[in-house]
Amino acid sequence: CKKVYEEIKKDKKIDDADDKIEIDYLKRVNKKLKRKKIIIVISSVFI
């Protein structure tokens, strides 16, 4: 059971790392979208 636990724990670490990468990626995309929206709003007001 200890081996099963170690395997699950190892897989969970990999999953957590993947989730963190995915979350970080989504955060970066979100930031870019927000920046893009701000630029569009400022450009629209200027026009």
All heavy atoms as atom14 arrays in JSON, in Angstrom:
{
  "sequence": "CKKVYEEIKKDKKIDDADDKIEIDYLKRVNKKLKRKKIIIVISSVFI",
  "atom14_mask": [
    [1, 1, 1, 1, 1, 1, 0, 0, 0, 0, 0, 0, 0, 0],
    [1, 1, 1, 1, 1, 1, 1, 1, 1, 0, 0, 0, 0, 0],
    [1, 1, 1, 1, 1, 1, 1, 1, 1, 0, 0, 0, 0, 0],
    [1, 1, 1, 1, 1, 1, 1, 0, 0, 0, 0, 0, 0, 0],
    [1, 1, 1, 1, 1, 1, 1, 1, 1, 1, 1, 1, 0, 0],
    [1, 1, 1, 1, 1, 1, 1, 1, 1, 0, 0, 0, 0, 0],
    [1, 1, 1, 1, 1, 1, 1, 1, 1, 0, 0, 0, 0, 0],
    [1, 1, 1, 1, 1, 1, 1, 1, 0, 0, 0, 0, 0, 0],
    [1, 1, 1, 1, 1, 1, 1, 1, 1, 0, 0, 0, 0, 0],
    [1, 1, 1, 1, 1, 1, 1, 1, 1, 0, 0, 0, 0, 0],
    [1, 1, 1, 1, 1, 1, 1, 1, 0, 0, 0, 0, 0, 0],
    [1, 1, 1, 1, 1, 1, 1, 1, 1, 0, 0, 0, 0, 0],
    [1, 1, 1, 1, 1, 1, 1, 1, 1, 0, 0, 0, 0, 0],
    [1, 1, 1, 1, 1, 1, 1, 1, 0, 0, 0, 0, 0, 0],
    [1, 1, 1, 1, 1, 1, 1, 1, 0, 0, 0, 0, 0, 0],
    [1, 1, 1, 1, 1, 1, 1, 1, 0, 0, 0, 0, 0, 0],
    [1, 1, 1, 1, 1, 0, 0, 0, 0, 0, 0, 0, 0, 0],
    [1, 1, 1, 1, 1, 1, 1, 1, 0, 0, 0, 0, 0, 0],
    [1, 1, 1, 1, 1, 1, 1, 1, 0, 0, 0, 0, 0, 0],
    [1, 1, 1, 1, 1, 1, 1, 1, 1, 0, 0, 0, 0, 0],
    [1, 1, 1, 1, 1, 1, 1, 1, 0, 0, 0, 0, 0, 0],
    [1, 1, 1, 1, 1, 1, 1, 1, 1, 0, 0, 0, 0, 0],
    [1, 1, 1, 1, 1, 1, 1, 1, 0, 0, 0, 0, 0, 0],
    [1, 1, 1, 1, 1, 1, 1, 1, 0, 0, 0, 0, 0, 0],
    [1, 1, 1, 1, 1, 1, 1, 1, 1, 1, 1, 1, 0, 0],
    [1, 1, 1, 1, 1, 1, 1, 1, 0, 0, 0, 0, 0, 0],
    [1, 1, 1, 1, 1, 1, 1, 1, 1, 0, 0, 0, 0, 0],
    [1, 1, 1, 1, 1, 1, 1, 1, 1, 1, 1, 0, 0, 0],
    [1, 1, 1, 1, 1, 1, 1, 0, 0, 0, 0, 0, 0, 0],
    [1, 1, 1, 1, 1, 1, 1, 1, 0, 0, 0, 0, 0, 0],
    [1, 1, 1, 1, 1, 1, 1, 1, 1, 0, 0, 0, 0, 0],
    [1, 1, 1, 1, 1, 1, 1, 1, 1, 0, 0, 0, 0, 0],
    [1, 1, 1, 1, 1, 1, 1, 1, 0, 0, 0, 0, 0, 0],
    [1, 1, 1, 1, 1, 1, 1, 1, 1, 0, 0, 0, 0, 0],
    [1, 1, 1, 1, 1, 1, 1, 1, 1, 1, 1, 0, 0, 0],
    [1, 1, 1, 1, 1, 1, 1, 1, 1, 0, 0, 0, 0, 0],
    [1, 1, 1, 1, 1, 1, 1, 1, 1, 0, 0, 0, 0, 0],
    [1, 1, 1, 1, 1, 1, 1, 1, 0, 0, 0, 0, 0, 0],
    [1, 1, 1, 1, 1, 1, 1, 1, 0, 0, 0, 0, 0, 0],
    [1, 1, 1, 1, 1, 1, 1, 1, 0, 0, 0, 0, 0, 0],
    [1, 1, 1, 1, 1, 1, 1, 0, 0, 0, 0, 0, 0, 0],
    [1, 1, 1, 1, 1, 1, 1, 1, 0, 0, 0, 0, 0, 0],
    [1, 1, 1, 1, 1, 1, 0, 0, 0, 0, 0, 0, 0, 0],
    [1, 1, 1, 1, 1, 1, 0, 0, 0, 0, 0, 0, 0, 0],
    [1, 1, 1, 1, 1, 1, 1, 0, 0, 0, 0, 0, 0, 0],
    [1, 1, 1, 1, 1, 1, 1, 1, 1, 1, 1, 0, 0, 0],
    [1, 1, 1, 1, 1, 1, 1, 1, 0, 0, 0, 0, 0, 0]
  ],
  "atom14_positions": [
    [[0.83, -1.22, 0.0], [0.0, 0.0, 0.0], [0.87, 1.27, 0.0], [0.49, 2.3, -0.56], [-0.93, 0.0, 1.22], [-2.26, -1.2, 1.08], [0.0, 0.0, 0.0], [0.0, 0.0, 0.0], [0.0, 0.0, 0.0], [0.0, 0.0, 0.0], [0.0, 0.0, 0.0], [0.0, 0.0, 0.0], [0.0, 0.0, 0.0], [0.0, 0.0, 0.0]],
    [[2.06, 1.13, 0.63], [2.97, 2.27, 0.66], [3.47, 2.6, -0.76], [3.6, 3.76, -1.14], [4.16, 1.96, 1.58], [5.01, 3.18, 1.89], [6.07, 2.84, 2.93], [6.89, 4.09, 3.24], [7.95, 3.78, 4.23], [0.0, 0.0, 0.0], [0.0, 0.0, 0.0], [0.0, 0.0, 0.0], [0.0, 0.0, 0.0], [0.0, 0.0, 0.0]],
    [[3.72, 1.5, -1.56], [4.15, 1.71, -2.94], [3.04, 2.39, -3.76], [3.29, 3.27, -4.58], [4.51, 0.36, -3.58], [5.86, -0.17, -3.16], [6.13, -1.51, -3.83], [7.48, -2.09, -3.36], [7.72, -3.42, -3.95], [0.0, 0.0, 0.0], [0.0, 0.0, 0.0], [0.0, 0.0, 0.0], [0.0, 0.0, 0.0], [0.0, 0.0, 0.0]],
    [[1.79, 1.93, -3.51], [0.65, 2.53, -4.21], [0.54, 4.02, -3.86], [0.33, 4.88, -4.72], [-0.68, 1.81, -3.83], [-1.88, 2.55, -4.41], [-0.65, 0.37, -4.33], [0.0, 0.0, 0.0], [0.0, 0.0, 0.0], [0.0, 0.0, 0.0], [0.0, 0.0, 0.0], [0.0, 0.0, 0.0], [0.0, 0.0, 0.0], [0.0, 0.0, 0.0]],
    [[0.74, 4.29, -2.56], [0.69, 5.69, -2.08], [1.77, 6.55, -2.75], [1.5, 7.67, -3.19], [0.84, 5.71, -0.55], [1.13, 7.07, 0.01], [0.17, 8.1, -0.02], [2.39, 7.36, 0.55], [0.44, 9.36, 0.48], [2.67, 8.63, 1.05], [1.7, 9.62, 1.02], [1.98, 10.86, 1.52], [0.0, 0.0, 0.0], [0.0, 0.0, 0.0]],
    [[3.01, 6.0, -2.83], [4.13, 6.74, -3.44], [3.85, 7.02, -4.93], [4.16, 8.1, -5.43], [5.44, 5.95, -3.29], [5.95, 5.82, -1.86], [6.34, 7.15, -1.24], [6.62, 8.12, -1.98], [6.34, 7.24, 0.01], [0.0, 0.0, 0.0], [0.0, 0.0, 0.0], [0.0, 0.0, 0.0], [0.0, 0.0, 0.0], [0.0, 0.0, 0.0]],
    [[3.26, 6.03, -5.62], [2.94, 6.21, -7.03], [1.88, 7.3, -7.23], [2.0, 8.18, -8.1], [2.42, 4.89, -7.64], [3.5, 3.85, -7.9], [4.49, 4.3, -8.96], [4.07, 4.95, -9.95], [5.69, 4.03, -8.81], [0.0, 0.0, 0.0], [0.0, 0.0, 0.0], [0.0, 0.0, 0.0], [0.0, 0.0, 0.0], [0.0, 0.0, 0.0]],
    [[0.85, 7.22, -6.39], [-0.23, 8.23, -6.48], [0.31, 9.61, -6.15], [-0.02, 10.61, -6.81], [-1.39, 7.85, -5.53], [-2.09, 6.59, -6.05], [-2.4, 9.0, -5.4], [-3.11, 6.02, -5.09], [0.0, 0.0, 0.0], [0.0, 0.0, 0.0], [0.0, 0.0, 0.0], [0.0, 0.0, 0.0], [0.0, 0.0, 0.0], [0.0, 0.0, 0.0]],
    [[1.18, 9.66, -5.12], [1.77, 10.94, -4.71], [2.64, 11.53, -5.83], [2.61, 12.74, -6.1], [2.62, 10.71, -3.46], [3.04, 11.98, -2.75], [3.79, 11.61, -1.47], [4.32, 12.87, -0.8], [5.12, 12.53, 0.4], [0.0, 0.0, 0.0], [0.0, 0.0, 0.0], [0.0, 0.0, 0.0], [0.0, 0.0, 0.0], [0.0, 0.0, 0.0]],
    [[3.38, 10.64, -6.49], [4.25, 11.08, -7.6], [3.4, 11.62, -8.77], [3.7, 12.68, -9.33], [5.09, 9.89, -8.07], [6.12, 10.23, -9.14], [6.9, 8.99, -9.51], [7.88, 9.28, -10.65], [8.59, 8.04, -11.08], [0.0, 0.0, 0.0], [0.0, 0.0, 0.0], [0.0, 0.0, 0.0], [0.0, 0.0, 0.0], [0.0, 0.0, 0.0]],
    [[2.34, 10.85, -9.11], [1.44, 11.29, -10.2], [0.76, 12.61, -9.85], [0.55, 13.47, -10.72], [0.37, 10.22, -10.48], [0.96, 8.98, -11.12], [2.09, 9.06, -11.66], [0.29, 7.93, -11.08], [0.0, 0.0, 0.0], [0.0, 0.0, 0.0], [0.0, 0.0, 0.0], [0.0, 0.0, 0.0], [0.0, 0.0, 0.0], [0.0, 0.0, 0.0]],
    [[0.41, 12.72, -8.56], [-0.27, 13.96, -8.11], [0.65, 15.18, -8.24], [0.25, 16.27, -8.63], [-0.75, 13.82, -6.68], [-1.66, 14.96, -6.24], [-2.2, 14.73, -4.87], [-3.19, 15.83, -4.5], [-2.73, 17.18, -4.7], [0.0, 0.0, 0.0], [0.0, 0.0, 0.0], [0.0, 0.0, 0.0], [0.0, 0.0, 0.0], [0.0, 0.0, 0.0]],
    [[1.95, 14.97, -7.94], [2.91, 16.08, -8.07], [3.02, 16.52, -9.53], [3.09, 17.71, -9.83], [4.3, 15.63, -7.57], [4.43, 15.69, -6.05], [5.85, 15.32, -5.65], [6.0, 15.38, -4.12], [7.35, 14.97, -3.7], [0.0, 0.0, 0.0], [0.0, 0.0, 0.0], [0.0, 0.0, 0.0], [0.0, 0.0, 0.0], [0.0, 0.0, 0.0]],
    [[3.03, 15.51, -10.44], [3.1, 15.84, -11.87], [1.84, 16.59, -12.3], [1.9, 17.59, -13.01], [3.27, 14.54, -12.71], [4.65, 13.92, -12.44], [3.11, 14.85, -14.2], [4.83, 12.53, -13.01], [0.0, 0.0, 0.0], [0.0, 0.0, 0.0], [0.0, 0.0, 0.0], [0.0, 0.0, 0.0], [0.0, 0.0, 0.0], [0.0, 0.0, 0.0]],
    [[0.68, 16.08, -11.82], [-0.6, 16.74, -12.16], [-0.65, 18.16, -11.63], [-1.11, 19.1, -12.31], [-1.78, 15.94, -11.61], [-1.99, 14.63, -12.35], [-1.48, 14.53, -13.48], [-2.68, 13.74, -11.81], [0.0, 0.0, 0.0], [0.0, 0.0, 0.0], [0.0, 0.0, 0.0], [0.0, 0.0, 0.0], [0.0, 0.0, 0.0], [0.0, 0.0, 0.0]],
    [[-0.17, 18.31, -10.37], [-0.15, 19.65, -9.76], [0.75, 20.6, -10.53], [0.41, 21.78, -10.72], [0.32, 19.57, -8.29], [-0.73, 18.93, -7.39], [-1.89, 18.8, -7.84], [-0.39, 18.57, -6.24], [0.0, 0.0, 0.0], [0.0, 0.0, 0.0], [0.0, 0.0, 0.0], [0.0, 0.0, 0.0], [0.0, 0.0, 0.0], [0.0, 0.0, 0.0]],
    [[1.9, 20.06, -10.98], [2.84, 20.88, -11.76], [2.2, 21.29, -13.09], [2.3, 22.45, -13.52], [4.14, 20.12, -12.01], [0.0, 0.0, 0.0], [0.0, 0.0, 0.0], [0.0, 0.0, 0.0], [0.0, 0.0, 0.0], [0.0, 0.0, 0.0], [0.0, 0.0, 0.0], [0.0, 0.0, 0.0], [0.0, 0.0, 0.0], [0.0, 0.0, 0.0]],
    [[1.49, 20.33, -13.73], [0.8, 20.63, -15.0], [-0.29, 21.67, -14.78], [-0.48, 22.58, -15.6], [0.19, 19.35, -15.59], [1.25, 18.39, -16.12], [2.4, 18.85, -16.34], [0.95, 17.2, -16.31], [0.0, 0.0, 0.0], [0.0, 0.0, 0.0], [0.0, 0.0, 0.0], [0.0, 0.0, 0.0], [0.0, 0.0, 0.0], [0.0, 0.0, 0.0]],
    [[-1.03, 21.47, -13.66], [-2.1, 22.44, -13.35], [-1.53, 23.83, -13.13], [-2.11, 24.83, -13.57], [-2.86, 22.0, -12.08], [-3.76, 20.79, -12.35], [-4.0, 20.51, -13.53], [-4.19, 20.15, -11.38], [0.0, 0.0, 0.0], [0.0, 0.0, 0.0], [0.0, 0.0, 0.0], [0.0, 0.0, 0.0], [0.0, 0.0, 0.0], [0.0, 0.0, 0.0]],
    [[-0.37, 23.88, -12.44], [0.26, 25.18, -12.17], [0.71, 25.84, -13.47], [0.52, 27.04, -13.69], [1.46, 25.01, -11.24], [2.03, 26.33, -10.74], [3.15, 26.09, -9.75], [3.67, 27.4, -9.19], [4.08, 28.37, -10.18], [0.0, 0.0, 0.0], [0.0, 0.0, 0.0], [0.0, 0.0, 0.0], [0.0, 0.0, 0.0], [0.0, 0.0, 0.0]],
    [[1.28, 25.02, -14.37], [1.7, 25.55, -15.68], [0.5, 26.08, -16.44], [0.54, 27.17, -17.04], [2.42, 24.45, -16.5], [3.79, 24.13, -15.87], [2.61, 24.89, -17.96], [4.45, 22.88, -16.43], [0.0, 0.0, 0.0], [0.0, 0.0, 0.0], [0.0, 0.0, 0.0], [0.0, 0.0, 0.0], [0.0, 0.0, 0.0], [0.0, 0.0, 0.0]],
    [[-0.6, 25.3, -16.4], [-1.82, 25.7, -17.1], [-2.39, 26.98, -16.51], [-2.8, 27.9, -17.23], [-2.85, 24.58, -17.02], [-4.07, 24.83, -17.9], [-5.04, 23.66, -17.9], [-4.66, 22.57, -17.43], [-6.16, 23.87, -18.37], [0.0, 0.0, 0.0], [0.0, 0.0, 0.0], [0.0, 0.0, 0.0], [0.0, 0.0, 0.0], [0.0, 0.0, 0.0]],
    [[-2.41, 27.05, -15.17], [-2.92, 28.26, -14.48], [-2.05, 29.47, -14.81], [-2.56, 30.56, -15.1], [-2.99, 28.03, -12.95], [-4.12, 27.05, -12.62], [-3.23, 29.36, -12.22], [-4.08, 26.51, -11.22], [0.0, 0.0, 0.0], [0.0, 0.0, 0.0], [0.0, 0.0, 0.0], [0.0, 0.0, 0.0], [0.0, 0.0, 0.0], [0.0, 0.0, 0.0]],
    [[-0.73, 29.28, -14.77], [0.2, 30.38, -15.1], [-0.01, 30.85, -16.54], [0.01, 32.05, -16.82], [1.66, 29.94, -14.91], [2.01, 29.78, -13.44], [1.26, 30.31, -12.6], [3.03, 29.13, -13.14], [0.0, 0.0, 0.0], [0.0, 0.0, 0.0], [0.0, 0.0, 0.0], [0.0, 0.0, 0.0], [0.0, 0.0, 0.0], [0.0, 0.0, 0.0]],
    [[-0.23, 29.87, -17.44], [-0.46, 30.21, -18.85], [-1.75, 31.02, -18.99], [-1.8, 32.04, -19.7], [-0.53, 28.93, -19.68], [-0.95, 29.16, -21.11], [-0.06, 29.72, -22.03], [-2.24, 28.85, -21.53], [-0.45, 29.95, -23.35], [-2.63, 29.08, -22.84], [-1.73, 29.63, -23.74], [-2.12, 29.86, -25.03], [0.0, 0.0, 0.0], [0.0, 0.0, 0.0]],
    [[-2.81, 30.54, -18.33], [-4.09, 31.24, -18.37], [-3.99, 32.65, -17.79], [-4.61, 33.58, -18.29], [-5.17, 30.43, -17.62], [-5.62, 29.13, -18.31], [-6.52, 28.34, -17.39], [-6.33, 29.43, -19.62], [0.0, 0.0, 0.0], [0.0, 0.0, 0.0], [0.0, 0.0, 0.0], [0.0, 0.0, 0.0], [0.0, 0.0, 0.0], [0.0, 0.0, 0.0]],
    [[-3.2, 32.78, -16.73], [-2.98, 34.11, -16.13], [-2.3, 35.04, -17.11], [-2.67, 36.21, -17.24], [-2.13, 33.99, -14.86], [-2.92, 33.54, -13.63], [-2.02, 33.49, -12.42], [-2.79, 33.06, -11.18], [-1.91, 32.94, -9.99], [0.0, 0.0, 0.0], [0.0, 0.0, 0.0], [0.0, 0.0, 0.0], [0.0, 0.0, 0.0], [0.0, 0.0, 0.0]],
    [[-1.27, 34.5, -17.83], [-0.56, 35.32, -18.81], [-1.48, 35.73, -19.96], [-1.47, 36.87, -20.41], [0.66, 34.56, -19.37], [1.83, 34.48, -18.39], [3.12, 34.13, -19.12], [3.04, 32.84, -19.8], [3.31, 31.68, -19.23], [3.67, 31.62, -17.95], [3.23, 30.55, -19.91], [0.0, 0.0, 0.0], [0.0, 0.0, 0.0], [0.0, 0.0, 0.0]],
    [[-2.31, 34.76, -20.41], [-3.27, 35.06, -21.48], [-4.26, 36.11, -21.02], [-4.61, 37.04, -21.75], [-4.02, 33.76, -21.9], [-5.2, 34.1, -22.82], [-3.08, 32.8, -22.6], [0.0, 0.0, 0.0], [0.0, 0.0, 0.0], [0.0, 0.0, 0.0], [0.0, 0.0, 0.0], [0.0, 0.0, 0.0], [0.0, 0.0, 0.0], [0.0, 0.0, 0.0]],
    [[-4.71, 35.96, -19.77], [-5.65, 36.92, -19.18], [-5.07, 38.32, -19.13], [-5.74, 39.31, -19.45], [-6.0, 36.47, -17.76], [-7.5, 36.39, -17.56], [-8.26, 36.57, -18.5], [-7.91, 36.13, -16.35], [0.0, 0.0, 0.0], [0.0, 0.0, 0.0], [0.0, 0.0, 0.0], [0.0, 0.0, 0.0], [0.0, 0.0, 0.0], [0.0, 0.0, 0.0]],
    [[-3.79, 38.38, -18.73], [-3.11, 39.68, -18.66], [-3.02, 40.33, -20.04], [-3.26, 41.52, -20.21], [-1.69, 39.51, -18.09], [-1.6, 39.64, -16.59], [-0.16, 39.61, -16.15], [-0.06, 39.7, -14.63], [1.33, 39.61, -14.17], [0.0, 0.0, 0.0], [0.0, 0.0, 0.0], [0.0, 0.0, 0.0], [0.0, 0.0, 0.0], [0.0, 0.0, 0.0]],
    [[-2.66, 39.49, -21.03], [-2.56, 40.01, -22.4], [-3.91, 40.51, -22.91], [-3.99, 41.55, -23.55], [-2.03, 38.92, -23.34], [-0.52, 38.69, -23.19], [-0.05, 37.65, -24.18], [1.45, 37.42, -24.06], [1.94, 36.37, -24.98], [0.0, 0.0, 0.0], [0.0, 0.0, 0.0], [0.0, 0.0, 0.0], [0.0, 0.0, 0.0], [0.0, 0.0, 0.0]],
    [[-4.97, 39.75, -22.6], [-6.31, 40.16, -23.02], [-6.73, 41.46, -22.37], [-7.32, 42.34, -23.01], [-7.32, 39.05, -22.69], [-7.27, 37.8, -23.57], [-8.19, 36.73, -23.03], [-7.65, 38.12, -25.01], [0.0, 0.0, 0.0], [0.0, 0.0, 0.0], [0.0, 0.0, 0.0], [0.0, 0.0, 0.0], [0.0, 0.0, 0.0], [0.0, 0.0, 0.0]],
    [[-6.42, 41.58, -21.06], [-6.75, 42.82, -20.34], [-5.99, 44.0, -20.94], [-6.55, 45.08, -21.14], [-6.4, 42.68, -18.85], [-7.43, 41.91, -18.06], [-7.06, 41.84, -16.59], [-8.1, 41.05, -15.8], [-7.72, 40.9, -14.39], [0.0, 0.0, 0.0], [0.0, 0.0, 0.0], [0.0, 0.0, 0.0], [0.0, 0.0, 0.0], [0.0, 0.0, 0.0]],
    [[-4.69, 43.78, -21.22], [-3.87, 44.84, -21.81], [-4.41, 45.23, -23.18], [-4.48, 46.41, -23.52], [-2.42, 44.36, -21.93], [-1.41, 45.5, -22.12], [0.02, 44.99, -22.2], [0.45, 44.33, -21.0], [0.88, 43.06, -20.94], [0.93, 42.32, -22.03], [1.26, 42.53, -19.8], [0.0, 0.0, 0.0], [0.0, 0.0, 0.0], [0.0, 0.0, 0.0]],
    [[-4.83, 44.19, -23.93], [-5.38, 44.44, -25.27], [-6.67, 45.24, -25.18], [-6.91, 46.17, -25.96], [-5.63, 43.11, -25.96], [-5.66, 43.2, -27.48], [-5.67, 41.81, -28.08], [-5.58, 41.9, -29.59], [-5.57, 40.55, -30.2], [0.0, 0.0, 0.0], [0.0, 0.0, 0.0], [0.0, 0.0, 0.0], [0.0, 0.0, 0.0], [0.0, 0.0, 0.0]],
    [[-7.52, 44.89, -24.2], [-8.8, 45.6, -24.01], [-8.55, 47.06, -23.66], [-9.22, 47.96, -24.16], [-9.61, 44.93, -22.89], [-10.33, 43.68, -23.34], [-11.13, 43.08, -22.2], [-11.81, 41.79, -22.63], [-12.52, 41.14, -21.5], [0.0, 0.0, 0.0], [0.0, 0.0, 0.0], [0.0, 0.0, 0.0], [0.0, 0.0, 0.0], [0.0, 0.0, 0.0]],
    [[-7.57, 47.28, -22.77], [-7.23, 48.66, -22.36], [-6.76, 49.46, -23.58], [-7.17, 50.61, -23.79], [-6.15, 48.66, -21.26], [-6.75, 48.11, -19.96], [-5.61, 50.07, -21.02], [-5.73, 47.81, -18.88], [0.0, 0.0, 0.0], [0.0, 0.0, 0.0], [0.0, 0.0, 0.0], [0.0, 0.0, 0.0], [0.0, 0.0, 0.0], [0.0, 0.0, 0.0]],
    [[-5.89, 48.83, -24.41], [-5.38, 49.51, -25.61], [-6.53, 49.83, -26.57], [-6.6, 50.92, -27.13], [-4.31, 48.65, -26.31], [-3.04, 48.57, -25.44], [-3.96, 49.21, -27.68], [-2.04, 47.54, -25.9], [0.0, 0.0, 0.0], [0.0, 0.0, 0.0], [0.0, 0.0, 0.0], [0.0, 0.0, 0.0], [0.0, 0.0, 0.0], [0.0, 0.0, 0.0]],
    [[-7.46, 48.85, -26.73], [-8.61, 49.06, -27.63], [-9.49, 50.19, -27.13], [-9.93, 51.05, -27.9], [-9.43, 47.75, -27.76], [-8.64, 46.71, -28.57], [-10.78, 48.02, -28.42], [-9.23, 45.32, -28.56], [0.0, 0.0, 0.0], [0.0, 0.0, 0.0], [0.0, 0.0, 0.0], [0.0, 0.0, 0.0], [0.0, 0.0, 0.0], [0.0, 0.0, 0.0]],
    [[-9.74, 50.22, -25.79], [-10.58, 51.28, -25.2], [-9.93, 52.64, -25.39], [-10.58, 53.6, -25.83], [-10.83, 51.01, -23.7], [-11.46, 52.24, -23.03], [-11.73, 49.81, -23.52], [0.0, 0.0, 0.0], [0.0, 0.0, 0.0], [0.0, 0.0, 0.0], [0.0, 0.0, 0.0], [0.0, 0.0, 0.0], [0.0, 0.0, 0.0], [0.0, 0.0, 0.0]],
    [[-8.62, 52.73, -25.09], [-7.89, 54.01, -25.23], [-7.89, 54.45, -26.69], [-8.13, 55.63, -27.0], [-6.45, 53.88, -24.7], [-6.46, 53.69, -23.18], [-5.62, 55.11, -25.06], [-5.13, 53.34, -22.57], [0.0, 0.0, 0.0], [0.0, 0.0, 0.0], [0.0, 0.0, 0.0], [0.0, 0.0, 0.0], [0.0, 0.0, 0.0], [0.0, 0.0, 0.0]],
    [[-7.64, 53.49, -27.6], [-7.62, 53.82, -29.04], [-9.0, 54.29, -29.5], [-9.1, 55.25, -30.28], [-7.21, 52.58, -29.85], [-5.93, 52.15, -29.48], [0.0, 0.0, 0.0], [0.0, 0.0, 0.0], [0.0, 0.0, 0.0], [0.0, 0.0, 0.0], [0.0, 0.0, 0.0], [0.0, 0.0, 0.0], [0.0, 0.0, 0.0], [0.0, 0.0, 0.0]],
    [[-10.04, 53.62, -29.01], [-11.42, 53.99, -29.4], [-11.75, 55.4, -28.93], [-12.32, 56.2, -29.68], [-12.42, 53.0, -28.81], [-12.18, 51.7, -29.28], [0.0, 0.0, 0.0], [0.0, 0.0, 0.0], [0.0, 0.0, 0.0], [0.0, 0.0, 0.0], [0.0, 0.0, 0.0], [0.0, 0.0, 0.0], [0.0, 0.0, 0.0], [0.0, 0.0, 0.0]],
    [[-11.38, 55.7, -27.67], [-11.63, 57.04, -27.12], [-10.88, 58.09, -27.93], [-11.42, 59.15, -28.27], [-11.21, 57.11, -25.63], [-11.25, 58.55, -25.12], [-12.14, 56.24, -24.78], [0.0, 0.0, 0.0], [0.0, 0.0, 0.0], [0.0, 0.0, 0.0], [0.0, 0.0, 0.0], [0.0, 0.0, 0.0], [0.0, 0.0, 0.0], [0.0, 0.0, 0.0]],
    [[-9.61, 57.77, -28.27], [-8.79, 58.7, -29.06], [-9.41, 58.95, -30.43], [-9.5, 60.1, -30.88], [-7.38, 58.13, -29.22], [-6.48, 58.96, -30.07], [-5.93, 60.14, -29.59], [-6.19, 58.58, -31.38], [-5.1, 60.92, -30.39], [-5.36, 59.35, -32.18], [-4.82, 60.53, -31.68], [0.0, 0.0, 0.0], [0.0, 0.0, 0.0], [0.0, 0.0, 0.0]],
    [[-9.87, 57.87, -31.08], [-10.48, 58.0, -32.41], [-11.76, 58.83, -32.34], [-12.02, 59.69, -33.18], [-10.77, 56.61, -33.02], [-9.45, 55.92, -33.39], [-11.66, 56.72, -34.26], [-9.56, 54.46, -33.73], [0.0, 0.0, 0.0], [0.0, 0.0, 0.0], [0.0, 0.0, 0.0], [0.0, 0.0, 0.0], [0.0, 0.0, 0.0], [0.0, 0.0, 0.0]]
  ]
}
